[in-house]
Protein backbone atom coordinates (compact mmCIF):
# COMPACT_ATOMS: atom_id res chain seq x y z
CA MET A 1 -70.30 66.53 17.26
CA THR A 2 -69.37 63.71 14.91
CA ALA A 3 -71.30 63.02 11.73
CA LYS A 4 -74.25 60.67 11.99
CA ILE A 5 -74.15 57.19 10.54
CA LYS A 6 -76.23 57.21 7.37
CA ILE A 7 -78.67 54.36 6.83
CA HIS A 8 -80.53 54.16 3.52
CA MET A 9 -83.15 51.55 2.77
CA PHE A 10 -83.95 51.16 -0.95
CA GLY A 11 -87.19 49.43 -1.87
CA LYS A 12 -90.74 49.72 -3.10
CA LYS A 13 -92.86 51.03 -0.23
CA ASN A 14 -95.92 48.85 -0.89
CA GLU A 15 -94.05 45.64 -1.71
CA VAL A 16 -94.51 42.87 0.85
CA VAL A 17 -91.32 41.68 2.52
CA PRO A 18 -91.59 38.03 3.55
CA THR A 19 -90.24 37.35 7.01
CA SER A 20 -88.05 34.33 7.38
CA CYS A 21 -88.96 31.49 9.68
CA GLY A 22 -86.24 28.95 10.09
CA TRP A 23 -85.24 27.86 6.61
CA GLY A 24 -88.08 29.38 4.63
CA PRO A 25 -90.58 32.20 4.34
CA SER A 26 -93.10 32.74 7.11
CA THR A 27 -95.73 30.77 5.21
CA ALA A 28 -93.57 27.66 5.65
CA CYS A 29 -94.14 27.63 9.41
CA GLY A 30 -97.70 28.79 9.80
CA PRO A 31 -99.44 32.11 9.45
CA GLY A 32 -97.09 35.03 9.57
CA GLU A 33 -97.47 38.76 9.43
CA ASP A 34 -95.52 39.89 6.41
CA LEU A 35 -95.13 43.67 6.33
CA THR A 36 -94.79 46.04 3.42
CA THR A 37 -91.35 47.52 2.96
CA MET A 38 -92.54 50.86 4.36
CA GLU A 39 -94.11 49.21 7.42
CA MET A 40 -90.88 47.31 8.08
CA TYR A 41 -88.82 50.50 7.61
CA LYS A 42 -91.00 52.39 10.11
CA GLU A 43 -90.79 49.51 12.58
CA VAL A 44 -87.00 49.40 12.40
CA LYS A 45 -86.68 53.19 12.57
CA THR A 46 -89.00 53.41 15.59
CA PHE A 47 -87.04 50.66 17.33
CA LEU A 48 -83.69 52.41 16.71
CA GLU A 49 -85.12 55.76 17.85
CA GLY A 50 -85.83 54.12 21.21
CA THR A 51 -82.21 53.10 21.76
CA ASP A 52 -79.02 54.75 22.93
CA ILE A 53 -77.85 55.24 19.32
CA LYS A 54 -80.83 57.39 18.26
CA ASP A 55 -78.77 60.60 18.13
CA LYS A 56 -75.98 58.94 16.15
CA ILE A 57 -77.97 57.79 13.11
CA GLU A 58 -79.77 59.30 10.16
CA MET A 59 -82.19 56.82 8.54
CA ASN A 60 -83.99 57.34 5.23
CA PHE A 61 -86.22 55.31 2.94
CA ILE A 62 -85.70 55.65 -0.80
CA ASP A 63 -88.64 54.43 -2.89
CA LEU A 64 -87.34 52.88 -6.11
CA GLU A 65 -90.57 53.79 -7.91
CA THR A 66 -91.14 57.41 -6.89
CA ASP A 67 -88.03 59.01 -5.37
CA ASP A 68 -85.24 60.84 -7.17
CA LEU A 69 -82.36 58.37 -7.34
CA ASN A 70 -79.74 60.94 -8.37
CA GLY A 71 -76.92 60.99 -5.87
CA TYR A 72 -77.21 57.25 -5.19
CA GLU A 73 -75.29 56.00 -8.21
CA ASP A 74 -73.04 53.61 -6.26
CA GLU A 75 -75.95 52.12 -4.32
CA MET A 76 -78.06 51.77 -7.46
CA LYS A 77 -75.36 49.64 -9.12
CA ILE A 78 -75.94 47.09 -6.35
CA VAL A 79 -79.74 47.52 -6.18
CA GLU A 80 -80.08 46.90 -9.91
CA LYS A 81 -78.09 43.65 -9.69
CA ARG A 82 -80.35 42.19 -6.99
CA SER A 83 -83.87 40.92 -7.53
CA GLU A 84 -84.73 40.92 -3.83
CA HIS A 85 -85.57 44.19 -2.11
CA PRO A 86 -85.33 46.11 0.09
CA ILE A 87 -81.59 46.59 0.32
CA THR A 88 -80.35 48.50 3.35
CA PHE A 89 -77.04 50.34 3.18
CA ILE A 90 -75.08 51.58 6.17
CA GLU A 91 -72.53 54.25 5.29
CA GLY A 92 -72.88 53.37 1.61
CA LYS A 93 -72.19 49.67 2.08
CA PRO A 94 -74.89 46.99 1.63
CA ALA A 95 -75.77 45.58 5.06
CA PHE A 96 -79.15 43.83 4.72
CA VAL A 97 -81.19 42.36 1.87
CA GLY A 98 -84.88 41.71 2.42
CA ASN A 99 -86.29 41.65 5.92
CA VAL A 100 -84.23 43.55 8.50
CA ASP A 101 -83.92 42.17 12.00
CA LYS A 102 -84.09 45.18 14.33
CA MET A 103 -81.65 43.80 16.88
CA ARG A 104 -79.10 42.81 14.22
CA MET A 105 -79.33 46.34 12.79
CA TYR A 106 -78.81 47.82 16.24
CA LEU A 107 -75.80 45.57 16.98
CA THR A 108 -74.29 46.32 13.57
CA ILE A 109 -74.50 50.06 14.20
CA ARG A 110 -73.12 49.69 17.72
CA ARG A 111 -70.13 47.79 16.27
CA ILE A 112 -69.54 50.56 13.71
CA LEU A 113 -69.71 53.21 16.42
CA LYS A 114 -67.26 51.27 18.59
CA ASN A 115 -64.81 51.01 15.68
CA MET A 116 -65.07 54.77 15.05
CA LYS A 117 -63.65 55.62 18.47
């Protein structure tokens, strides 16, 4: 069995992540349902676990306020330079900043898997 693709989302679990709507935040186009970072993480993870790639990924949330950040030195160099969170890394490379579109995440991982063959 090949190693699983590692996905790490760094953020503050109770911080609200504004969803984008066109050219601005959700409040620019009417009432929106902005989720906390942890709610968004769980939503994305649940979505991915319902797809054909579920056995090929390992997804973790790293809370910038409470978790041990040792072992994530390279990622933290990027996280500390950005004011917007969360930042999602796939295989140690930054892939998403802020709100994560579930389908874009899925397609990104599928592309990585295809290139691994």
